[in-house]
Amino acid sequence: MSVHYPRLTEAPTDAQPYVAPSPAEPAPAPTGEPSTWGARHAHDPTVVRADDATYYMFSTDAVANSEDIPAGVHIRTSRDLVTWHFAGTAFDGVPRPARDWSGASGLWAPEVVRWATGAWHMYYSASTFGSNTSAIGLATAPHPSGPWQDRGLVVATRAGVDTQNAIDAAVTFDADGAPWLTYGSFFSGIYTLPLDPASGRPLLEGDLGSLTARRHPSVEGALEGAFIMYRPQEGRYVLFASYDSLFSSYNVRVAVADHITGPYRDIRRLSMTDLEAPPASIGTKILGSHGFDGAAGWLAPGHSSVLSQDGPDGGDEHFLVHHARFAADPSQHIFQLRRLFFNAAGWPVVSPQPYAGREWEVLGAPQPLSGRWQVVRFAPDSTDLVESVPLDLESDSNEPFDGGPAAVRLLADDLDLDAVVFGSWDWSRGAAALSFSGIDRHGVAWCGTKRA
């Protein structure tokens, strides 16, 4: 098998203010010139950081089913998490074992993690749409740029034989540092299994794992793109998963567990394997389709993972990594990265604004928290794009806010939000702004950006 080693170029930090891609102006269809893409045409992304502080984004290559699009896992690089440069592919097409098993013409949803040995492991997916004749393969490299050496299949499922669907891999190191693989899409749900710390393969060869999350057949089991994050602060695991249709109604839900294999329960204590409750009620919805100021918005955000790194204050900072579609042209994808925080109760909350770079999210002066906000409410039973509405909120703090982040309570009539406030970049107005994200007493997520 021939392997294409990406030819990398330096990706300097831009010295200009961030201008978010307008959701009203989607990109043209992908072409064979990926150097022009930037963050567009990225599907199922994940991001890692190398020792030299270069970020690498890996994503699905079968974006447009076009012979002009290179296959073999797309790689982009960045120095600032904002400006992205196409750097090639990890492979020259689909590795033969994965192609022979699945018939795939491209690779989906790569997961890249650094192993305890210092090497990098990539778990990629090979399948065809709507089939669970699928496989997750493993490749290793000394560096995110490669060279990537295929190591064959680690989990494989066959239509008519298995109920699982071996795609959408994610790796978590548990409280003891042991690696686990989580995977699954539609069919019978999400599964988790232990990996051999030495080889990165299943600890028990042929193990398909234990059930972690599922959805009712009445909604076609619409659940995929799972990612598990260990939170030592609470000593528990946070499951992120995408519900509904990747074409139109994707939304991100979360649940927590004391053990990596579950049971995972949402903020209302509903189990992620529950088939009795209404399917839309399960999982705490933290991100869905939305828009601000009457502009065309972002549609179907999903297939998320979490990038964690040292923050400027010495603590951890987290980003939700995902793709979204342009509401003005749902055929087009774009990579997005949003700040991810944890509220006072330890639940994840997500910025309403795509990340702009730290220097462009600094407020010009401290601002009071009380006042007029443009807010979005992510109703769990709705798949519609939510337009922001004005709402006057009061804070339990009278101190002007200089950028944070900080955990606060935000109040309005019967609304009581356990929220985090932080500096952001308001892409609809092109300026730094104060934003919040929080969860109300009913377990519904809200987010917003301040206007006055």
Protein backbone atom coordinates (compact mmCIF):
# COMPACT_ATOMS: atom_id res chain seq x y z
CA MET A 1 0.00 0.00 0.00
CA SER A 2 1.32 3.42 -0.89
CA VAL A 3 0.98 6.12 1.74
CA HIS A 4 0.73 9.84 1.01
CA TYR A 5 2.68 11.88 3.53
CA PRO A 6 1.23 15.37 3.93
CA ARG A 7 3.43 18.24 2.82
CA LEU A 8 3.01 20.75 5.61
CA THR A 9 3.37 24.51 5.40
CA GLU A 10 3.80 27.06 8.15
CA ALA A 11 0.47 28.45 9.32
CA PRO A 12 1.19 31.83 10.91
CA THR A 13 -1.26 33.53 13.22
CA ASP A 14 -3.21 36.20 11.36
CA ALA A 15 -2.69 39.75 12.60
CA GLN A 16 -6.14 40.93 11.49
CA PRO A 17 -9.40 40.87 13.47
CA TYR A 18 -11.36 37.68 13.05
CA VAL A 19 -14.20 37.82 10.54
CA ALA A 20 -16.45 34.82 11.01
CA PRO A 21 -17.73 33.20 7.82
CA SER A 22 -21.21 34.57 7.30
CA PRO A 23 -23.90 31.90 7.54
CA ALA A 24 -25.68 33.80 4.77
CA GLU A 25 -22.75 33.31 2.41
CA PRO A 26 -21.93 29.60 2.15
CA ALA A 27 -18.92 28.47 0.20
CA PRO A 28 -19.09 27.14 -3.33
CA ALA A 29 -19.14 23.37 -3.72
CA PRO A 30 -15.85 21.64 -2.87
CA THR A 31 -13.35 21.45 -5.71
CA GLY A 32 -10.02 19.76 -6.25
CA GLU A 33 -8.30 22.86 -4.82
CA PRO A 34 -8.47 22.23 -1.06
CA SER A 35 -5.87 24.93 -0.44
CA THR A 36 -8.77 27.39 -0.81
CA TRP A 37 -11.06 25.71 1.72
CA GLY A 38 -9.82 27.05 5.07
CA ALA A 39 -12.28 25.75 7.68
CA ARG A 40 -14.97 25.01 5.08
CA HIS A 41 -15.88 21.56 3.80
CA ALA A 42 -14.76 19.93 7.07
CA HIS A 43 -16.99 17.14 8.38
CA ASP A 44 -16.57 15.09 11.60
CA PRO A 45 -13.53 17.08 12.79
CA THR A 46 -11.17 16.43 15.65
CA VAL A 47 -8.25 18.63 16.74
CA VAL A 48 -4.97 17.84 18.51
CA ARG A 49 -1.97 19.96 19.46
CA ALA A 50 1.62 18.96 18.69
CA ASP A 51 4.61 19.77 20.89
CA ASP A 52 5.53 22.78 18.74
CA ALA A 53 2.06 24.28 19.44
CA THR A 54 0.81 23.58 15.90
CA TYR A 55 -2.78 22.37 15.85
CA TYR A 56 -3.84 19.57 13.52
CA MET A 57 -7.43 19.06 12.43
CA PHE A 58 -8.41 15.66 11.02
CA SER A 59 -11.74 15.20 9.24
CA THR A 60 -13.85 13.02 6.99
CA ASP A 61 -12.69 13.09 3.37
CA ALA A 62 -15.92 11.97 1.69
CA VAL A 63 -17.42 15.46 1.80
CA ALA A 64 -18.86 15.65 -1.68
CA ASN A 65 -18.62 12.17 -3.23
CA SER A 66 -16.47 13.71 -5.93
CA GLU A 67 -13.47 12.20 -7.67
CA ASP A 68 -11.82 15.62 -7.34
CA ILE A 69 -11.75 15.39 -3.53
CA PRO A 70 -8.67 13.58 -2.21
CA ALA A 71 -9.46 10.51 -0.09
CA GLY A 72 -7.54 9.23 2.91
CA VAL A 73 -8.44 11.50 5.91
CA HIS A 74 -8.06 15.25 5.43
CA ILE A 75 -5.47 17.11 7.53
CA ARG A 76 -5.38 20.84 8.20
CA THR A 77 -2.99 22.87 10.37
CA SER A 78 -3.32 26.06 12.37
CA ARG A 79 -1.29 28.12 14.81
CA ASP A 80 -4.27 29.92 16.35
CA LEU A 81 -7.31 27.58 16.05
CA VAL A 82 -8.89 30.12 13.70
CA THR A 83 -7.01 30.15 10.39
CA TRP A 84 -6.68 26.67 8.86
CA HIS A 85 -4.44 25.46 6.03
CA PHE A 86 -4.98 22.23 4.11
CA ALA A 87 -1.94 20.00 4.59
CA GLY A 88 -2.77 16.82 2.68
CA THR A 89 -4.11 13.40 3.55
CA ALA A 90 -2.96 10.74 5.98
CA PHE A 91 -3.33 7.96 3.40
CA ASP A 92 -3.44 7.57 -0.33
CA GLY A 93 -7.08 6.50 -0.38
CA VAL A 94 -8.69 3.84 1.82
CA PRO A 95 -6.30 1.26 3.34
CA ARG A 96 -6.93 -2.12 1.73
CA PRO A 97 -8.22 -4.06 4.79
CA ALA A 98 -10.85 -1.38 5.44
CA ARG A 99 -11.78 -1.12 1.76
CA ASP A 100 -12.06 -4.89 1.33
CA TRP A 101 -14.31 -5.21 4.39
CA SER A 102 -16.63 -2.25 3.80
CA GLY A 103 -16.40 -1.24 0.14
CA ALA A 104 -15.78 2.34 1.30
CA SER A 105 -14.43 4.90 -1.16
CA GLY A 106 -13.44 7.36 1.57
CA LEU A 107 -12.69 7.49 5.29
CA TRP A 108 -14.97 8.96 7.94
CA ALA A 109 -14.65 10.49 11.39
CA PRO A 110 -10.97 10.04 12.29
CA GLU A 111 -10.07 10.10 15.98
CA VAL A 112 -6.44 11.01 16.79
CA VAL A 113 -4.94 10.67 20.28
CA ARG A 114 -1.49 10.62 21.79
CA TRP A 115 -0.58 7.30 23.34
CA ALA A 116 1.34 6.79 26.57
CA THR A 117 4.37 5.73 24.51
CA GLY A 118 4.44 9.16 22.87
CA ALA A 119 3.29 7.86 19.48
CA TRP A 120 0.02 9.01 17.92
CA HIS A 121 -2.90 6.68 17.20
CA MET A 122 -5.58 7.31 14.58
CA TYR A 123 -8.85 5.39 14.61
CA TYR A 124 -10.64 5.87 11.28
CA SER A 125 -14.00 4.62 10.02
CA ALA A 126 -14.82 2.89 6.75
CA SER A 127 -18.39 2.25 5.64
CA THR A 128 -21.07 3.15 3.11
CA PHE A 129 -24.07 5.31 3.94
CA GLY A 130 -26.90 3.47 5.70
CA SER A 131 -25.03 0.17 6.12
CA ASN A 132 -23.57 -1.36 9.24
CA THR A 133 -21.05 -3.40 7.26
CA SER A 134 -18.42 -1.13 8.70
CA ALA A 135 -14.94 -1.12 10.18
CA ILE A 136 -12.76 0.95 12.47
CA GLY A 137 -9.10 0.80 11.55
CA LEU A 138 -5.98 1.82 13.44
CA ALA A 139 -2.93 3.70 12.16
CA THR A 140 0.08 4.98 14.10
CA ALA A 141 2.59 7.78 13.55
CA PRO A 142 5.43 9.44 15.45
CA HIS A 143 3.85 12.88 14.86
CA PRO A 144 0.40 14.18 13.80
CA SER A 145 1.89 15.06 10.40
CA GLY A 146 2.79 11.39 9.85
CA PRO A 147 3.98 9.23 8.31
CA TRP A 148 0.87 7.21 9.17
CA GLN A 149 1.28 3.44 9.08
CA ASP A 150 -1.89 1.39 8.82
CA ARG A 151 -2.22 -1.36 11.46
CA GLY A 152 -5.38 -2.99 10.18
CA LEU A 153 -8.90 -3.32 11.60
CA VAL A 154 -9.71 -3.17 15.30
CA VAL A 155 -13.53 -3.39 15.29
CA ALA A 156 -15.65 -4.66 12.39
CA THR A 157 -19.38 -5.28 12.03
CA ARG A 158 -21.40 -7.04 9.33
CA ALA A 159 -24.95 -6.31 8.19
CA GLY A 160 -27.30 -9.17 9.06
CA VAL A 161 -24.88 -10.51 11.65
CA ASP A 162 -24.19 -7.69 14.10
CA THR A 163 -26.51 -5.06 15.54
CA GLN A 164 -23.68 -2.57 16.10
CA ASN A 165 -22.25 -0.17 13.52
CA ALA A 166 -18.45 0.15 13.71
CA ILE A 167 -17.93 3.84 12.90
CA ASP A 168 -17.40 7.13 14.78
CA ALA A 169 -14.59 6.05 17.08
CA ALA A 170 -13.52 8.07 20.13
CA VAL A 171 -10.86 7.24 22.73
CA THR A 172 -10.97 8.11 26.44
CA PHE A 173 -8.34 7.51 29.09
CA ASP A 174 -10.15 6.65 32.31
CA ALA A 175 -9.35 7.71 35.88
CA ASP A 176 -6.57 5.10 36.03
CA GLY A 177 -5.11 6.07 32.64
CA ALA A 178 -6.46 3.03 30.81
CA PRO A 179 -7.71 3.56 27.21
CA TRP A 180 -11.28 2.84 26.09
CA LEU A 181 -12.87 2.97 22.66
CA THR A 182 -16.40 4.34 22.20
CA TYR A 183 -18.14 3.96 18.85
CA GLY A 184 -21.49 3.52 17.12
CA SER A 185 -24.02 5.13 14.82
CA PHE A 186 -27.78 4.52 14.62
CA PHE A 187 -28.66 0.77 14.57
CA SER A 188 -28.38 -0.55 18.17
CA GLY A 189 -26.56 2.47 19.62
CA ILE A 190 -23.25 3.47 21.18
CA TYR A 191 -20.81 0.93 22.63
CA THR A 192 -17.67 1.16 24.77
CA LEU A 193 -14.86 -1.38 25.14
CA PRO A 194 -11.42 -1.50 26.80
CA LEU A 195 -8.27 -1.23 24.68
CA ASP A 196 -4.89 -2.85 25.21
CA PRO A 197 -2.58 -0.06 26.44
CA ALA A 198 0.33 -1.56 24.52
CA SER A 199 -1.22 -2.23 21.11
CA GLY A 200 -4.25 0.07 21.03
CA ARG A 201 -6.36 -2.87 19.90
CA PRO A 202 -9.31 -4.34 21.85
CA LEU A 203 -8.18 -5.91 25.10
CA LEU A 204 -10.23 -8.95 24.07
CA GLU A 205 -9.98 -9.55 20.32
CA GLY A 206 -13.42 -9.46 18.70
CA ASP A 207 -15.01 -7.57 21.63
CA LEU A 208 -17.80 -5.29 20.39
CA GLY A 209 -18.22 -3.61 23.79
CA SER A 210 -21.07 -2.88 26.15
CA LEU A 211 -24.09 -0.70 25.41
CA THR A 212 -23.64 2.93 26.48
CA ALA A 213 -26.48 4.83 24.77
CA ARG A 214 -29.31 4.11 22.33
CA ARG A 215 -32.50 5.61 20.91
CA HIS A 216 -35.93 4.24 20.11
CA PRO A 217 -36.62 2.62 16.71
CA SER A 218 -39.44 5.16 16.23
CA VAL A 219 -36.72 7.78 15.56
CA GLU A 220 -34.59 5.28 13.62
CA GLY A 221 -32.16 5.07 16.52
CA ALA A 222 -30.81 8.49 15.47
CA LEU A 223 -27.72 8.74 17.67
CA GLU A 224 -24.03 8.89 16.72
CA GLY A 225 -20.76 10.81 17.00
CA ALA A 226 -20.20 10.01 20.68
CA PHE A 227 -17.27 11.32 22.72
CA ILE A 228 -16.52 10.66 26.41
CA MET A 229 -14.56 13.13 28.53
CA TYR A 230 -13.26 12.30 32.01
CA ARG A 231 -13.70 15.11 34.57
CA PRO A 232 -11.42 14.59 37.59
CA GLN A 233 -13.01 17.63 39.27
CA GLU A 234 -16.23 15.67 39.75
CA GLY A 235 -14.75 12.19 39.36
CA ARG A 236 -17.19 11.41 36.57
CA TYR A 237 -17.44 10.91 32.83
CA VAL A 238 -19.29 13.21 30.44
CA LEU A 239 -20.83 11.71 27.31
CA PHE A 240 -21.34 14.00 24.30
CA ALA A 241 -23.49 12.60 21.50
CA SER A 242 -25.27 13.84 18.37
CA TYR A 243 -29.00 13.25 17.97
CA ASP A 244 -31.20 13.23 14.86
CA SER A 245 -30.30 13.79 11.19
CA LEU A 246 -26.83 14.91 10.13
CA PHE A 247 -28.48 16.54 7.09
CA SER A 248 -30.78 18.93 8.92
CA SER A 249 -31.40 18.51 12.64
CA TYR A 250 -28.19 17.41 14.36
CA ASN A 251 -27.93 18.59 17.96
CA VAL A 252 -25.48 17.85 20.75
CA ARG A 253 -26.65 16.15 23.96
CA VAL A 254 -24.78 15.32 27.15
CA ALA A 255 -25.10 12.93 30.07
CA VAL A 256 -22.82 11.90 32.94
CA ALA A 257 -21.78 8.68 34.69
CA ASP A 258 -19.58 7.57 37.57
CA HIS A 259 -18.05 4.80 35.43
CA ILE A 260 -16.89 4.98 31.84
CA THR A 261 -19.29 2.24 30.77
CA GLY A 262 -22.24 4.00 32.40
CA PRO A 263 -25.05 4.19 33.20
CA TYR A 264 -25.12 7.69 31.68
CA ARG A 265 -27.90 9.98 32.90
CA ASP A 266 -28.89 13.46 31.82
CA ILE A 267 -29.60 16.39 34.13
CA ARG A 268 -33.13 15.05 34.74
CA ARG A 269 -31.66 11.63 35.65
CA LEU A 270 -33.02 9.95 32.52
CA SER A 271 -30.83 7.10 31.28
CA MET A 272 -29.27 7.31 27.84
CA THR A 273 -30.45 3.75 27.22
CA ASP A 274 -34.08 4.50 28.19
CA LEU A 275 -36.61 3.38 25.56
CA GLU A 276 -39.71 4.28 27.61
CA ALA A 277 -39.43 8.09 27.85
CA PRO A 278 -40.15 10.24 24.76
CA PRO A 279 -37.01 10.00 22.58
CA ALA A 280 -36.54 13.79 22.35
CA SER A 281 -36.62 14.16 26.14
CA ILE A 282 -33.49 12.11 26.83
CA GLY A 283 -30.06 13.72 26.98
CA THR A 284 -29.43 17.33 27.97
CA LYS A 285 -29.36 19.35 24.74
CA ILE A 286 -26.56 21.93 24.86
CA LEU A 287 -26.23 22.96 21.19
CA GLY A 288 -28.58 23.00 18.21
CA SER A 289 -29.40 25.01 15.09
CA HIS A 290 -29.51 28.75 15.84
CA GLY A 291 -29.13 32.25 14.47
CA PHE A 292 -28.65 35.80 15.77
CA ASP A 293 -30.07 39.18 14.77
CA GLY A 294 -32.32 37.78 12.05
CA ALA A 295 -29.42 36.61 9.89
CA ALA A 296 -29.32 33.16 8.36
CA GLY A 297 -27.86 30.90 11.00
CA TRP A 298 -25.92 27.75 11.66
CA LEU A 299 -27.74 24.50 11.00
CA ALA A 300 -27.24 21.01 12.45
CA PRO A 301 -24.12 21.41 14.62
CA GLY A 302 -22.82 18.04 15.67
CA HIS A 303 -20.31 15.18 15.67
CA SER A 304 -18.43 16.81 18.51
CA SER A 305 -15.26 16.13 20.42
CA VAL A 306 -13.43 18.16 23.07
CA LEU A 307 -10.02 19.81 22.82
CA SER A 308 -8.53 20.52 26.26
CA GLN A 309 -5.35 22.47 26.93
CA ASP A 310 -3.68 24.74 29.48
CA GLY A 311 -5.44 28.09 29.70
CA PRO A 312 -3.85 31.52 30.18
CA ASP A 313 -4.71 31.52 33.89
CA GLY A 314 -2.96 28.21 34.54
CA GLY A 315 -6.15 26.13 34.58
CA ASP A 316 -7.65 24.01 31.84
CA GLU A 317 -9.56 25.50 28.94
CA HIS A 318 -11.88 23.42 26.78
CA PHE A 319 -13.29 23.77 23.29
CA LEU A 320 -16.16 21.90 21.67
CA VAL A 321 -14.97 20.79 18.23
CA HIS A 322 -17.74 20.10 15.71
CA HIS A 323 -19.06 20.81 12.25
CA ALA A 324 -22.14 22.79 11.24
CA ARG A 325 -24.03 23.59 8.05
CA PHE A 326 -24.95 26.91 6.52
CA ALA A 327 -28.69 27.43 6.93
CA ALA A 328 -28.63 29.31 3.61
CA ASP A 329 -27.17 26.23 1.89
CA PRO A 330 -27.40 23.07 4.03
CA SER A 331 -25.27 21.11 1.55
CA GLN A 332 -22.17 22.96 2.79
CA HIS A 333 -20.22 22.16 5.97
CA ILE A 334 -17.85 24.24 8.04
CA PHE A 335 -15.62 23.38 10.96
CA GLN A 336 -16.42 25.26 14.17
CA LEU A 337 -14.78 25.45 17.53
CA ARG A 338 -16.61 26.95 20.53
CA ARG A 339 -15.56 27.58 24.08
CA LEU A 340 -16.82 24.91 26.46
CA PHE A 341 -17.30 25.62 30.17
CA PHE A 342 -18.73 23.84 33.19
CA ASN A 343 -21.33 25.60 35.33
CA ALA A 344 -21.48 25.57 39.13
CA ALA A 345 -23.27 22.20 39.09
CA GLY A 346 -20.57 20.69 36.83
CA TRP A 347 -22.61 20.50 33.60
CA PRO A 348 -21.04 21.46 30.27
CA VAL A 349 -22.29 24.63 28.58
CA VAL A 350 -21.27 25.93 25.13
CA SER A 351 -20.62 29.40 23.76
CA PRO A 352 -23.24 30.74 21.32
CA GLN A 353 -20.39 32.21 19.24
CA PRO A 354 -17.69 30.41 17.23
CA TYR A 355 -14.20 30.89 18.64
CA ALA A 356 -12.39 33.96 17.28
CA GLY A 357 -9.00 33.79 18.95
CA ARG A 358 -8.22 34.91 22.48
CA GLU A 359 -7.08 38.41 21.53
CA TRP A 360 -10.34 39.22 19.71
CA GLU A 361 -12.57 38.15 22.60
CA VAL A 362 -11.27 40.74 25.07
CA LEU A 363 -13.88 43.27 26.16
CA GLY A 364 -13.02 46.94 25.68
CA ALA A 365 -14.18 47.75 29.23
CA PRO A 366 -15.92 45.97 32.15
CA GLN A 367 -19.65 45.54 31.62
CA PRO A 368 -22.58 45.00 33.99
CA LEU A 369 -24.18 41.58 33.68
CA SER A 370 -27.70 42.88 34.10
CA GLY A 371 -29.29 44.28 30.95
CA ARG A 372 -30.60 43.38 27.50
CA TRP A 373 -29.36 40.13 25.92
CA GLN A 374 -30.09 38.31 22.66
CA VAL A 375 -30.84 34.77 23.85
CA VAL A 376 -31.41 31.32 22.39
CA ARG A 377 -33.28 28.54 24.17
CA PHE A 378 -32.49 24.99 23.04
CA ALA A 379 -35.83 23.25 23.54
CA PRO A 380 -35.11 19.52 23.66
CA ASP A 381 -38.24 18.56 21.70
CA SER A 382 -37.60 20.95 18.79
CA THR A 383 -35.38 20.38 15.77
CA ASP A 384 -36.04 23.84 14.32
CA LEU A 385 -33.44 26.55 13.87
CA VAL A 386 -33.87 28.85 16.89
CA GLU A 387 -33.73 32.58 16.27
CA SER A 388 -32.41 34.71 19.12
CA VAL A 389 -34.85 36.98 20.95
CA PRO A 390 -34.24 39.95 23.25
CA LEU A 391 -34.49 39.29 26.97
CA ASP A 392 -33.69 41.42 30.02
CA LEU A 393 -31.63 39.42 32.53
CA GLU A 394 -30.59 40.27 36.06
CA SER A 395 -27.46 38.98 37.76
CA ASP A 396 -26.79 37.92 41.32
CA SER A 397 -23.60 39.98 41.06
CA ASN A 398 -23.50 43.78 40.92
CA GLU A 399 -19.84 43.90 39.97
CA PRO A 400 -18.94 44.90 36.37
CA PHE A 401 -17.57 41.95 34.46
CA ASP A 402 -14.18 42.18 32.72
CA GLY A 403 -14.18 38.99 30.65
CA GLY A 404 -13.99 36.01 33.00
CA PRO A 405 -15.05 33.29 32.61
CA ALA A 406 -17.12 33.24 35.77
CA ALA A 407 -19.98 31.15 37.12
CA VAL A 408 -23.07 33.28 37.85
CA ARG A 409 -26.83 33.12 38.25
CA LEU A 410 -28.85 34.97 35.62
CA LEU A 411 -32.51 35.68 36.39
CA ALA A 412 -35.65 36.83 34.56
CA ASP A 413 -39.19 36.32 35.89
CA ASP A 414 -39.42 32.54 36.38
CA LEU A 415 -36.07 31.91 34.66
CA ASP A 416 -33.13 30.97 36.90
CA LEU A 417 -29.96 30.03 35.02
CA ASP A 418 -26.89 28.28 36.41
CA ALA A 419 -24.61 29.97 33.89
CA VAL A 420 -21.08 30.91 32.91
CA VAL A 421 -20.31 34.36 31.45
CA PHE A 422 -17.28 35.07 29.28
CA GLY A 423 -15.84 37.29 26.59
CA SER A 424 -16.61 36.29 22.98
CA TRP A 425 -16.60 37.55 19.41
CA ASP A 426 -20.06 38.48 18.14
CA TRP A 427 -19.85 37.32 14.50
CA SER A 428 -23.10 39.04 13.49
CA ARG A 429 -21.82 42.44 14.66
CA GLY A 430 -18.09 41.99 14.19
CA ALA A 431 -17.03 43.03 17.69
CA ALA A 432 -15.99 41.64 21.07
CA ALA A 433 -19.02 41.02 23.28
CA LEU A 434 -20.13 39.47 26.55
CA SER A 435 -21.80 36.06 26.21
CA PHE A 436 -23.27 33.46 28.54
CA SER A 437 -24.33 29.85 28.45
CA GLY A 438 -26.30 28.10 31.15
CA ILE A 439 -28.98 25.60 32.16
CA ASP A 440 -32.30 26.41 33.81
CA ARG A 441 -34.04 24.60 36.67
CA HIS A 442 -35.88 22.37 34.16
CA GLY A 443 -32.66 21.15 32.56
CA VAL A 444 -32.99 23.29 29.40
CA ALA A 445 -29.92 25.04 28.02
CA TRP A 446 -29.89 28.75 27.15
CA CYS A 447 -27.15 30.93 25.69
CA GLY A 448 -26.89 34.53 24.62
CA THR A 449 -24.84 37.62 23.81
CA LYS A 450 -25.25 40.99 25.53
CA ARG A 451 -26.58 43.99 23.68
CA ALA A 452 -27.00 46.69 26.35
